PDB file of N, CA and C in Angstrom:
ATOM      1  N   MET A   1     101.192 120.169 103.204  1.00  0.00           N
ATOM      2  CA  MET A   1     101.348 118.935 102.726  1.00  0.00           C
ATOM      3  C   MET A   1      99.965 118.328 102.817  1.00  0.00           C
ATOM      4  N   ILE A   2      99.467 118.157 104.246  1.00  0.00           N
ATOM      5  CA  ILE A   2      98.015 117.272 104.386  1.00  0.00           C
ATOM      6  C   ILE A   2      97.078 118.504 104.445  1.00  0.00           C
ATOM      7  N   ASN A   3      96.137 118.338 103.844  1.00  0.00           N
ATOM      8  CA  ASN A   3      95.017 119.516 103.898  1.00  0.00           C
ATOM      9  C   ASN A   3      93.726 118.943 104.571  1.00  0.00           C
ATOM     10  N   GLN A   4      93.367 119.459 105.569  1.00  0.00           N
ATOM     11  CA  GLN A   4      92.170 118.961 106.276  1.00  0.00           C
ATOM     12  C   GLN A   4      91.064 118.653 105.369  1.00  0.00           C
ATOM     13  N   ASN A   5      90.883 119.607 104.273  1.00  0.00           N
ATOM     14  CA  ASN A   5      89.763 119.373 103.549  1.00  0.00           C
ATOM     15  C   ASN A   5      89.842 118.250 102.306  1.00  0.00           C
ATOM     16  N   ASP A   6      91.065 117.512 102.386  1.00  0.00           N
ATOM     17  CA  ASP A   6      91.304 116.421 101.592  1.00  0.00           C
ATOM     18  C   ASP A   6      90.000 115.298 101.896  1.00  0.00           C
ATOM     19  N   ARG A   7      89.598 114.633 100.959  1.00  0.00           N
ATOM     20  CA  ARG A   7      88.720 113.741 101.217  1.00  0.00           C
ATOM     21  C   ARG A   7      89.534 112.382 101.566  1.00  0.00           C
ATOM     22  N   LEU A   8      88.942 111.755 102.698  1.00  0.00           N
ATOM     23  CA  LEU A   8      89.812 110.271 103.057  1.00  0.00           C
ATOM     24  C   LEU A   8      89.190 109.198 102.262  1.00  0.00           C
ATOM     25  N   PRO A   9      89.903 108.247 102.011  1.00  0.00           N
ATOM     26  CA  PRO A   9      89.462 107.188 101.285  1.00  0.00           C
ATOM     27  C   PRO A   9      88.554 106.435 102.217  1.00  0.00           C
ATOM     28  N   LYS A  10      87.493 105.843 101.627  1.00  0.00           N
ATOM     29  CA  LYS A  10      86.587 104.850 102.377  1.00  0.00           C
ATOM     30  C   LYS A  10      87.094 103.356 101.980  1.00  0.00           C
ATOM     31  N   PRO A  11      87.006 102.544 103.300  1.00  0.00           N
ATOM     32  CA  PRO A  11      87.650 101.341 103.064  1.00  0.00           C
ATOM     33  C   PRO A  11      86.762 100.377 102.378  1.00  0.00           C
ATOM     34  N   SER A  12      87.191  99.371 101.631  1.00  0.00           N
ATOM     35  CA  SER A  12      86.152  98.533 100.890  1.00  0.00           C
ATOM     36  C   SER A  12      85.788  97.378 101.856  1.00  0.00           C
ATOM     37  N   LEU A  13      84.708  96.706 101.323  1.00  0.00           N
ATOM     38  CA  LEU A  13      84.439  95.562 102.288  1.00  0.00           C
ATOM     39  C   LEU A  13      85.673  94.488 102.234  1.00  0.00           C
ATOM     40  N   ASN A  14      86.097  94.244 101.066  1.00  0.00           N
ATOM     41  CA  ASN A  14      87.406  93.062 100.975  1.00  0.00           C
ATOM     42  C   ASN A  14      88.444  93.626 101.936  1.00  0.00           C
ATOM     43  N   GLY A  15      88.861  94.840 101.924  1.00  0.00           N
ATOM     44  CA  GLY A  15      89.624  95.654 102.669  1.00  0.00           C
ATOM     45  C   GLY A  15      89.387  95.301 104.219  1.00  0.00           C
ATOM     46  N   LEU A  16      88.250  95.570 104.709  1.00  0.00           N
ATOM     47  CA  LEU A  16      87.616  95.363 106.126  1.00  0.00           C
ATOM     48  C   LEU A  16      87.878  94.006 106.370  1.00  0.00           C
ATOM     49  N   MET A  17      87.634  93.097 105.539  1.00  0.00           N
ATOM     50  CA  MET A  17      87.441  91.649 105.987  1.00  0.00           C
ATOM     51  C   MET A  17      89.179  91.202 106.184  1.00  0.00           C
ATOM     52  N   ILE A  18      89.971  91.696 105.161  1.00  0.00           N
ATOM     53  CA  ILE A  18      91.318  91.280 105.320  1.00  0.00           C
ATOM     54  C   ILE A  18      91.840  92.015 106.516  1.00  0.00           C
ATOM     55  N   GLU A  19      91.819  93.185 107.027  1.00  0.00           N
ATOM     56  CA  GLU A  19      92.158  93.626 107.776  1.00  0.00           C
ATOM     57  C   GLU A  19      91.705  93.015 109.313  1.00  0.00           C
ATOM     58  N   ARG A  20      90.451  92.617 109.482  1.00  0.00           N
ATOM     59  CA  ARG A  20      90.180  92.018 110.669  1.00  0.00           C
ATOM     60  C   ARG A  20      90.565  90.658 110.586  1.00  0.00           C
ATOM     61  N   LYS A  21      90.853  89.936 109.579  1.00  0.00           N
ATOM     62  CA  LYS A  21      91.467  88.623 109.451  1.00  0.00           C
ATOM     63  C   LYS A  21      92.831  88.633 110.046  1.00  0.00           C
ATOM     64  N   LEU A  22      93.769  89.882 109.793  1.00  0.00           N
ATOM     65  CA  LEU A  22      94.899  90.004 110.273  1.00  0.00           C
ATOM     66  C   LEU A  22      95.220  90.403 111.736  1.00  0.00           C
ATOM     67  N   GLY A  23      93.972  90.835 112.294  1.00  0.00           N
ATOM     68  CA  GLY A  23      93.870  91.207 113.919  1.00  0.00           C
ATOM     69  C   GLY A  23      93.963  92.785 113.791  1.00  0.00           C
ATOM     70  N   PHE A  24      93.591  93.524 112.553  1.00  0.00           N
ATOM     71  CA  PHE A  24      93.459  94.706 112.978  1.00  0.00           C
ATOM     72  C   PHE A  24      91.888  95.259 113.315  1.00  0.00           C
ATOM     73  N   GLU A  25      91.789  96.001 114.210  1.00  0.00           N
ATOM     74  CA  GLU A  25      90.446  96.427 114.530  1.00  0.00           C
ATOM     75  C   GLU A  25      90.225  97.910 114.540  1.00  0.00           C
ATOM     76  N   ASN A  26      88.910  98.361 114.244  1.00  0.00           N
ATOM     77  CA  ASN A  26      88.486  99.988 114.135  1.00  0.00           C
ATOM     78  C   ASN A  26      89.570 100.656 113.128  1.00  0.00           C
ATOM     79  N   THR A  27      89.819 100.142 112.075  1.00  0.00           N
ATOM     80  CA  THR A  27      91.107 100.762 111.191  1.00  0.00           C
ATOM     81  C   THR A  27      90.593 101.852 110.610  1.00  0.00           C
ATOM     82  N   ASN A  28      89.167 102.093 110.524  1.00  0.00           N
ATOM     83  CA  ASN A  28      88.766 103.361 109.573  1.00  0.00           C
ATOM     84  C   ASN A  28      88.726 104.684 110.390  1.00  0.00           C
ATOM     85  N   LYS A  29      89.338 104.685 111.616  1.00  0.00           N
ATOM     86  CA  LYS A  29      89.058 106.190 112.209  1.00  0.00           C
ATOM     87  C   LYS A  29      90.186 106.771 111.960  1.00  0.00           C
ATOM     88  N   GLU A  30      91.256 106.552 111.385  1.00  0.00           N
ATOM     89  CA  GLU A  30      92.461 107.277 111.078  1.00  0.00           C
ATOM     90  C   GLU A  30      92.806 107.507 109.478  1.00  0.00           C
ATOM     91  N   LEU A  31      93.705 108.230 109.175  1.00  0.00           N
ATOM     92  CA  LEU A  31      94.149 108.344 108.004  1.00  0.00           C
ATOM     93  C   LEU A  31      94.814 106.957 107.459  1.00  0.00           C
ATOM     94  N   ILE A  32      95.481 106.353 108.303  1.00  0.00           N
ATOM     95  CA  ILE A  32      96.141 105.147 108.244  1.00  0.00           C
ATOM     96  C   ILE A  32      95.669 104.095 108.977  1.00  0.00           C
ATOM     97  N   ASP A  33      95.628 102.875 108.615  1.00  0.00           N
ATOM     98  CA  ASP A  33      95.090 101.683 109.281  1.00  0.00           C
ATOM     99  C   ASP A  33      95.752 101.636 110.792  1.00  0.00           C
ATOM    100  N   ASP A  34      97.031 101.667 110.983  1.00  0.00           N
ATOM    101  CA  ASP A  34      97.346 101.505 112.294  1.00  0.00           C
ATOM    102  C   ASP A  34      98.690 102.719 112.590  1.00  0.00           C
ATOM    103  N   ILE A  35      98.252 103.711 113.085  1.00  0.00           N
ATOM    104  CA  ILE A  35      98.809 104.817 113.313  1.00  0.00           C
ATOM    105  C   ILE A  35      99.983 104.630 114.287  1.00  0.00           C
ATOM    106  N   LYS A  36      99.753 103.856 115.322  1.00  0.00           N
ATOM    107  CA  LYS A  36     100.969 103.544 116.305  1.00  0.00           C
ATOM    108  C   LYS A  36     102.310 102.861 115.762  1.00  0.00           C
ATOM    109  N   ASN A  37     101.807 102.126 114.661  1.00  0.00           N
ATOM    110  CA  ASN A  37     103.064 101.213 114.177  1.00  0.00           C
ATOM    111  C   ASN A  37     103.492 101.780 112.546  1.00  0.00           C
ATOM    112  N   LYS A  38     102.579 102.771 112.214  1.00  0.00           N
ATOM    113  CA  LYS A  38     102.791 103.614 110.866  1.00  0.00           C
ATOM    114  C   LYS A  38     102.627 102.301 109.829  1.00  0.00           C
ATOM    115  N   ILE A  39     101.511 101.716 109.826  1.00  0.00           N
ATOM    116  CA  ILE A  39     101.191 100.939 108.624  1.00  0.00           C
ATOM    117  C   ILE A  39      99.687 101.252 108.257  1.00  0.00           C
ATOM    118  N   GLU A  40      99.819 101.213 106.576  1.00  0.00           N
ATOM    119  CA  GLU A  40      98.394 101.086 106.023  1.00  0.00           C
ATOM    120  C   GLU A  40      98.333  99.830 105.160  1.00  0.00           C
ATOM    121  N   ILE A  41      97.250  99.116 105.351  1.00  0.00           N
ATOM    122  CA  ILE A  41      97.124  98.068 104.863  1.00  0.00           C
ATOM    123  C   ILE A  41      96.479  98.190 103.525  1.00  0.00           C
ATOM    124  N   LYS A  42      96.963  97.515 102.431  1.00  0.00           N
ATOM    125  CA  LYS A  42      96.249  97.402 101.328  1.00  0.00           C
ATOM    126  C   LYS A  42      96.209  95.951 100.671  1.00  0.00           C
ATOM    127  N   SER A  43      94.902  95.724 100.339  1.00  0.00           N
ATOM    128  CA  SER A  43      94.643  94.312  99.746  1.00  0.00           C
ATOM    129  C   SER A  43      93.916  94.275  98.473  1.00  0.00           C
ATOM    130  N   CYS A  44      94.199  93.355  97.732  1.00  0.00           N
ATOM    131  CA  CYS A  44      93.426  93.187  96.395  1.00  0.00           C
ATOM    132  C   CYS A  44      93.276  91.505  96.147  1.00  0.00           C
ATOM    133  N   GLU A  45      92.262  91.527  95.181  1.00  0.00           N
ATOM    134  CA  GLU A  45      92.056  89.886  95.044  1.00  0.00           C
ATOM    135  C   GLU A  45      93.105  89.228  93.836  1.00  0.00           C
ATOM    136  N   GLU A  46      93.557  88.014  94.021  1.00  0.00           N
ATOM    137  CA  GLU A  46      94.732  87.706  93.188  1.00  0.00           C
ATOM    138  C   GLU A  46      94.115  87.802  91.702  1.00  0.00           C
ATOM    139  N   TRP A  47      92.735  87.400  91.399  1.00  0.00           N
ATOM    140  CA  TRP A  47      92.448  87.560  90.069  1.00  0.00           C
ATOM    141  C   TRP A  47      90.959  88.150  90.192  1.00  0.00           C
ATOM    142  N   THR A  48      90.480  89.069  88.893  1.00  0.00           N
ATOM    143  CA  THR A  48      89.113  89.640  88.918  1.00  0.00           C
ATOM    144  C   THR A  48      88.745  89.514  87.626  1.00  0.00           C
ATOM    145  N   LYS A  49      87.638  89.845  87.850  1.00  0.00           N
ATOM    146  CA  LYS A  49      86.953  89.930  86.143  1.00  0.00           C
ATOM    147  C   LYS A  49      86.657  91.379  85.905  1.00  0.00           C
ATOM    148  N   ASP A  50      87.020  91.700  84.519  1.00  0.00           N
ATOM    149  CA  ASP A  50      86.841  93.030  83.933  1.00  0.00           C
ATOM    150  C   ASP A  50      86.205  93.093  82.487  1.00  0.00           C
ATOM    151  N   PHE A  51      85.774  94.142  82.256  1.00  0.00           N
ATOM    152  CA  PHE A  51      85.374  94.206  80.622  1.00  0.00           C
ATOM    153  C   PHE A  51      86.632  94.868  79.744  1.00  0.00           C
ATOM    154  N   LYS A  52      86.891  94.394  78.656  1.00  0.00           N
ATOM    155  CA  LYS A  52      87.788  94.999  77.714  1.00  0.00           C
ATOM    156  C   LYS A  52      87.227  94.891  76.476  1.00  0.00           C
ATOM    157  N   ASN A  53      86.843  95.828  75.792  1.00  0.00           N
ATOM    158  CA  ASN A  53      86.276  95.885  74.401  1.00  0.00           C
ATOM    159  C   ASN A  53      85.025  95.125  74.486  1.00  0.00           C
ATOM    160  N   GLY A  54      84.205  95.297  75.475  1.00  0.00           N
ATOM    161  CA  GLY A  54      82.859  94.444  75.447  1.00  0.00           C
ATOM    162  C   GLY A  54      82.912  93.137  76.065  1.00  0.00           C
ATOM    163  N   GLU A  55      84.172  92.584  76.307  1.00  0.00           N
ATOM    164  CA  GLU A  55      84.160  91.262  76.673  1.00  0.00           C
ATOM    165  C   GLU A  55      84.630  91.115  78.032  1.00  0.00           C
ATOM    166  N   LEU A  56      84.198  90.069  78.810  1.00  0.00           N
ATOM    167  CA  LEU A  56      84.450  89.821  79.983  1.00  0.00           C
ATOM    168  C   LEU A  56      85.966  89.153  80.108  1.00  0.00           C
ATOM    169  N   ILE A  57      86.829  89.738  80.781  1.00  0.00           N
ATOM    170  CA  ILE A  57      88.061  89.106  80.727  1.00  0.00           C
ATOM    171  C   ILE A  57      88.530  88.828  82.274  1.00  0.00           C
ATOM    172  N   ARG A  58      89.517  88.221  82.392  1.00  0.00           N
ATOM    173  CA  ARG A  58      90.009  87.690  83.822  1.00  0.00           C
ATOM    174  C   ARG A  58      91.473  88.361  83.764  1.00  0.00           C
ATOM    175  N   ARG A  59      91.584  89.351  84.910  1.00  0.00           N
ATOM    176  CA  ARG A  59      92.795  89.972  84.955  1.00  0.00           C
ATOM    177  C   ARG A  59      93.425  89.874  86.491  1.00  0.00           C
ATOM    178  N   ARG A  60      94.597  90.009  86.753  1.00  0.00           N
ATOM    179  CA  ARG A  60      95.285  90.223  88.152  1.00  0.00           C
ATOM    180  C   ARG A  60      94.492  91.597  88.857  1.00  0.00           C
ATOM    181  N   GLY A  61      94.574  91.195  90.147  1.00  0.00           N
ATOM    182  CA  GLY A  61      93.951  92.378  90.879  1.00  0.00           C
ATOM    183  C   GLY A  61      94.910  93.608  91.057  1.00  0.00           C
ATOM    184  N   ARG A  62      94.464  94.774  91.516  1.00  0.00           N
ATOM    185  CA  ARG A  62      95.307  95.970  91.716  1.00  0.00           C
ATOM    186  C   ARG A  62      95.317  96.416  92.899  1.00  0.00           C
ATOM    187  N   PHE A  63      96.164  97.182  93.429  1.00  0.00           N
ATOM    188  CA  PHE A  63      96.391  97.804  94.742  1.00  0.00           C
ATOM    189  C   PHE A  63      95.889  98.953  94.329  1.00  0.00           C
ATOM    190  N   LYS A  64      94.986  99.812  95.285  1.00  0.00           N
ATOM    191  CA  LYS A  64      94.442 101.039  94.974  1.00  0.00           C
ATOM    192  C   LYS A  64      95.182 102.058  96.186  1.00  0.00           C
ATOM    193  N   PHE A  65      96.030 103.141  95.350  1.00  0.00           N
ATOM    194  CA  PHE A  65      96.764 103.836  96.527  1.00  0.00           C
ATOM    195  C   PHE A  65      95.981 105.364  96.398  1.00  0.00           C
ATOM    196  N   PHE A  66      96.120 105.986  97.490  1.00  0.00           N
ATOM    197  CA  PHE A  66      95.598 107.602  97.726  1.00  0.00           C
ATOM    198  C   PHE A  66      96.868 108.288  97.982  1.00  0.00           C
ATOM    199  N   LYS A  67      96.713 109.469  97.544  1.00  0.00           N
ATOM    200  CA  LYS A  67      97.960 110.395  97.575  1.00  0.00           C
ATOM    201  C   LYS A  67      98.037 110.971  98.753  1.00  0.00           C
ATOM    202  N   ILE A  68      96.862 111.419  99.670  1.00  0.00           N
ATOM    203  CA  ILE A  68      97.023 111.784 100.998  1.00  0.00           C
ATOM    204  C   ILE A  68      97.650 110.665 101.832  1.00  0.00           C
ATOM    205  N   GLN A  69      96.852 109.589 101.688  1.00  0.00           N
ATOM    206  CA  GLN A  69      97.528 108.458 102.512  1.00  0.00           C
ATOM    207  C   GLN A  69      99.185 108.196 102.136  1.00  0.00           C
ATOM    208  N   HIS A  70      99.321 108.316 101.044  1.00  0.00           N
ATOM    209  CA  HIS A  70     100.899 107.906 100.624  1.00  0.00           C
ATOM    210  C   HIS A  70     101.957 109.155 101.176  1.00  0.00           C
ATOM    211  N   GLU A  71     101.273 110.397 101.040  1.00  0.00           N
ATOM    212  CA  GLU A  71     102.191 111.360 101.618  1.00  0.00           C
ATOM    213  C   GLU A  71     102.391 111.348 103.120  1.00  0.00           C
ATOM    214  N   PHE A  72     101.135 111.019 103.703  1.00  0.00           N
ATOM    215  CA  PHE A  72     101.318 110.990 105.027  1.00  0.00           C
ATOM    216  C   PHE A  72     102.198 109.803 105.557  1.00  0.00           C
ATOM    217  N   LEU A  73     101.983 108.756 105.162  1.00  0.00           N
ATOM    218  CA  LEU A  73     102.790 107.589 105.234  1.00  0.00           C
ATOM    219  C   LEU A  73     104.311 107.811 105.245  1.00  0.00           C
ATOM    220  N   THR A  74     104.457 108.347 103.900  1.00  0.00           N
ATOM    221  CA  THR A  74     105.975 108.603 103.508  1.00  0.00           C
ATOM    222  C   THR A  74     106.491 109.654 104.621  1.00  0.00           C
ATOM    223  N   TYR A  75     105.665 110.740 105.015  1.00  0.00           N
ATOM    224  CA  TYR A  75     105.978 111.661 106.136  1.00  0.00           C
ATOM    225  C   TYR A  75     106.624 111.043 107.539  1.00  0.00           C
ATOM    226  N   LEU A  76     105.636 109.992 107.866  1.00  0.00           N
ATOM    227  CA  LEU A  76     105.938 109.185 109.132  1.00  0.00           C
ATOM    228  C   LEU A  76     106.906 108.288 108.964  1.00  0.00           C
ATOM    229  N   ASP A  77     107.448 108.000 107.868  1.00  0.00           N
ATOM    230  CA  ASP A  77     108.582 106.929 107.510  1.00  0.00           C
ATOM    231  C   ASP A  77     107.931 105.523 107.696  1.00  0.00           C
ATOM    232  N   GLY A  78     106.542 105.392 107.314  1.00  0.00           N
ATOM    233  CA  GLY A  78     105.759 104.375 107.442  1.00  0.00           C
ATOM    234  C   GLY A  78     105.917 103.046 106.395  1.00  0.00           C
ATOM    235  N   TYR A  79     105.145 102.197 106.571  1.00  0.00           N
ATOM    236  CA  TYR A  79     105.140 100.946 105.772  1.00  0.00           C
ATOM    237  C   TYR A  79     103.571 100.912 105.112  1.00  0.00           C
ATOM    238  N   TYR A  80     103.651 100.134 103.826  1.00  0.00           N
ATOM    239  CA  TYR A  80     102.460  99.475 103.355  1.00  0.00           C
ATOM    240  C   TYR A  80     102.276  97.993 103.628  1.00  0.00           C
ATOM    241  N   LEU A  81     101.583  97.321 104.203  1.00  0.00           N
ATOM    242  CA  LEU A  81     101.195  95.988 104.267  1.00  0.00           C
ATOM    243  C   LEU A  81     100.380  95.781 103.216  1.00  0.00           C
ATOM    244  N   LEU A  82     101.032  94.894 102.068  1.00  0.00           N
ATOM    245  CA  LEU A  82     100.241  94.396 100.937  1.00  0.00           C
ATOM    246  C   LEU A  82      99.886  93.160 100.869  1.00  0.00           C
ATOM    247  N   VAL A  83      98.416  92.749 100.736  1.00  0.00           N
ATOM    248  CA  VAL A  83      98.063  91.641 100.946  1.00  0.00           C
ATOM    249  C   VAL A  83      97.218  91.205  99.674  1.00  0.00           C
ATOM    250  N   VAL A  84      97.507  90.044  99.096  1.00  0.00           N
ATOM    251  CA  VAL A  84      96.785  89.527  98.018  1.00  0.00           C
ATOM    252  C   VAL A  84      96.084  88.474  98.569  1.00  0.00           C
ATOM    253  N   HIS A  85      94.780  88.362  98.115  1.00  0.00           N
ATOM    254  CA  HIS A  85      93.758  87.484  98.668  1.00  0.00           C
ATOM    255  C   HIS A  85      92.877  86.629  97.455  1.00  0.00           C
ATOM    256  N   ASN A  86      92.399  85.619  97.795  1.00  0.00           N
ATOM    257  CA  ASN A  86      91.519  84.925  96.638  1.00  0.00           C
ATOM    258  C   ASN A  86      90.192  84.622  97.655  1.00  0.00           C
ATOM    259  N   THR A  87      89.147  85.422  97.284  1.00  0.00           N
ATOM    260  CA  THR A  87      87.710  85.352  98.139  1.00  0.00           C
ATOM    261  C   THR A  87      88.169  85.431  99.605  1.00  0.00           C
ATOM    262  N   GLY A  88      89.087  86.187 100.175  1.00  0.00           N
ATOM    263  CA  GLY A  88      89.319  86.364 101.483  1.00  0.00           C
ATOM    264  C   GLY A  88      90.268  85.342 102.092  1.00  0.00           C
ATOM    265  N   GLU A  89      90.841  84.532 101.259  1.00  0.00           N
ATOM    266  CA  GLU A  89      92.003  83.464 101.527  1.00  0.00           C
ATOM    267  C   GLU A  89      93.105  84.267 101.280  1.00  0.00           C
ATOM    268  N   ILE A  90      93.881  84.528 102.169  1.00  0.00           N
ATOM    269  CA  ILE A  90      95.282  85.350 101.918  1.00  0.00           C
ATOM    270  C   ILE A  90      96.205  84.326 101.401  1.00  0.00           C
ATOM    271  N   LYS A  91      96.784  84.911 100.217  1.00  0.00           N
ATOM    272  CA  LYS A  91      97.775  84.109  99.295  1.00  0.00           C
ATOM    273  C   LYS A  91      99.161  84.408  99.760  1.00  0.00           C
ATOM    274  N   PHE A  92      99.284  85.924  99.643  1.00  0.00           N
ATOM    275  CA  PHE A  92     100.473  86.501  99.604  1.00  0.00           C
ATOM    276  C   PHE A  92     100.424  87.624 100.344  1.00  0.00           C
ATOM    277  N   GLN A  93     101.538  88.161 101.286  1.00  0.00           N
ATOM    278  CA  GLN A  93     101.706  89.333 101.713  1.00  0.00           C
ATOM    279  C   GLN A  93     103.040  89.976 101.949  1.00  0.00           C
ATOM    280  N   LYS A  94     103.245  91.258 101.955  1.00  0.00           N
ATOM    281  CA  LYS A  94     104.460  91.853 102.032  1.00  0.00           C
ATOM    282  C   LYS A  94     104.515  93.095 102.579  1.00  0.00           C
ATOM    283  N   MET A  95     105.416  93.391 103.071  1.00  0.00           N
ATOM    284  CA  MET A  95     105.476  94.736 103.996  1.00  0.00           C
ATOM    285  C   MET A  95     106.789  95.515 102.979  1.00  0.00           C
ATOM    286  N   ILE A  96     106.346  96.733 102.769  1.00  0.00           N
ATOM    287  CA  ILE A  96     107.328  97.809 101.929  1.00  0.00           C
ATOM    288  C   ILE A  96     107.294  99.018 102.426  1.00  0.00           C
ATOM    289  N   LYS A  97     108.418  99.745 102.693  1.00  0.00           N
ATOM    290  CA  LYS A  97     108.518 101.258 103.025  1.00  0.00           C
ATOM    291  C   LYS A  97     107.507 102.025 101.950  1.00  0.00           C
ATOM    292  N   ALA A  98     106.803 102.885 102.544  1.00  0.00           N
ATOM    293  CA  ALA A  98     106.080 103.886 101.592  1.00  0.00           C
ATOM    294  C   ALA A  98     107.091 104.458 100.696  1.00  0.00           C
ATOM    295  N   ARG A  99     108.187 105.034 101.347  1.00  0.00           N
ATOM    296  CA  ARG A  99     108.963 105.986 100.652  1.00  0.00           C
ATOM    297  C   ARG A  99     109.703 105.106  99.315  1.00  0.00           C
ATOM    298  N   ASP A 100     109.690 103.821  99.209  1.00  0.00           N
ATOM    299  CA  ASP A 100     110.293 102.876  98.334  1.00  0.00           C
ATOM    300  C   ASP A 100     109.298 102.597  97.333  1.00  0.00           C
ATOM    301  N   LEU A 101     108.112 103.382  97.575  1.00  0.00           N
ATOM    302  CA  LEU A 101     106.889 103.049  96.358  1.00  0.00           C
ATOM    303  C   LEU A 101     106.742 104.277  95.585  1.00  0.00           C
ATOM    304  N   GLU A 102     106.792 104.055  94.326  1.00  0.00           N
ATOM    305  CA  GLU A 102     106.767 105.273  93.486  1.00  0.00           C
ATOM    306  C   GLU A 102     105.116 105.440  93.299  1.00  0.00           C
ATOM    307  N   PHE A 103     104.529 106.337  93.918  1.00  0.00           N
ATOM    308  CA  PHE A 103     103.195 106.723  93.941  1.00  0.00           C
ATOM    309  C   PHE A 103     102.432 106.681  92.390  1.00  0.00           C
ATOM    310  N   LYS A 104     101.490 105.747  92.404  1.00  0.00           N
ATOM    311  CA  LYS A 104     100.383 105.569  91.322  1.00  0.00           C
ATOM    312  C   LYS A 104      99.141 105.342  92.015  1.00  0.00           C
ATOM    313  N   ILE A 105      98.049 105.631  91.322  1.00  0.00           N
ATOM    314  CA  ILE A 105      96.951 105.410  91.898  1.00  0.00           C
ATOM    315  C   ILE A 105      96.566 103.706  91.954  1.00  0.00           C
ATOM    316  N   SER A 106      96.953 103.009  90.912  1.00  0.00           N
ATOM    317  CA  SER A 106      96.562 101.724  90.698  1.00  0.00           C
ATOM    318  C   SER A 106      97.733 100.925  90.246  1.00  0.00           C
ATOM    319  N   ILE A 107      98.125  99.977  90.964  1.00  0.00           N
ATOM    320  CA  ILE A 107      99.176  99.125  90.647  1.00  0.00           C
ATOM    321  C   ILE A 107      99.028  97.545  90.496  1.00  0.00           C
ATOM    322  N   ASN A 108      99.091  96.888  89.562  1.00  0.00           N
ATOM    323  CA  ASN A 108      98.842  95.486  89.454  1.00  0.00           C
ATOM    324  C   ASN A 108      99.847  94.822  90.498  1.00  0.00           C
ATOM    325  N   TRP A 109      99.207  93.897  91.267  1.00  0.00           N
ATOM    326  CA  TRP A 109     100.018  93.463  92.445  1.00  0.00           C
ATOM    327  C   TRP A 109     101.077  92.566  92.134  1.00  0.00           C
ATOM    328  N   LYS A 110     101.113  91.937  90.896  1.00  0.00           N
ATOM    329  CA  LYS A 110     102.417  91.143  90.549  1.00  0.00           C
ATOM    330  C   LYS A 110     103.598  92.027  90.118  1.00  0.00           C
ATOM    331  N   ARG A 111     103.408  93.386  90.058  1.00  0.00           N
ATOM    332  CA  ARG A 111     104.526  94.290  89.960  1.00  0.00           C
ATOM    333  C   ARG A 111     105.287  94.585  91.130  1.00  0.00           C
ATOM    334  N   LEU A 112     104.618  94.283  92.322  1.00  0.00           N
ATOM    335  CA  LEU A 112     105.274  94.559  93.713  1.00  0.00           C
ATOM    336  C   LEU A 112     105.570  93.097  94.374  1.00  0.00           C
ATOM    337  N   PHE A 113     105.352  92.239  93.809  1.00  0.00           N
ATOM    338  CA  PHE A 113     105.880  90.888  94.214  1.00  0.00           C
ATOM    339  C   PHE A 113     106.877  90.300  93.649  1.00  0.00           C
TER     340      PHE A 113
END
């Protein structure tokens, strides 16, 4: 299932900021953020900017998932703590079982809330 040679995801600066805001410290030492409670924190911006056909557009943020984390969290029967923020201000949060989430690399936050 989990291969030690698999590359682990690197946390984003926004992700680290949200994790600290929620009281999680030193979260990038393990495959998931809180191994004791079997929780992986995922965060995304409520709105972000992107280019589409050469034009700058506004779109909803997306959660990014990693297969190795998802398999491990599912194996542990763990949870994702999903957090939507606007420049660091938490707007919405939700806890879901990893096994209840169909794995996709990127999911628009509105589909999960």
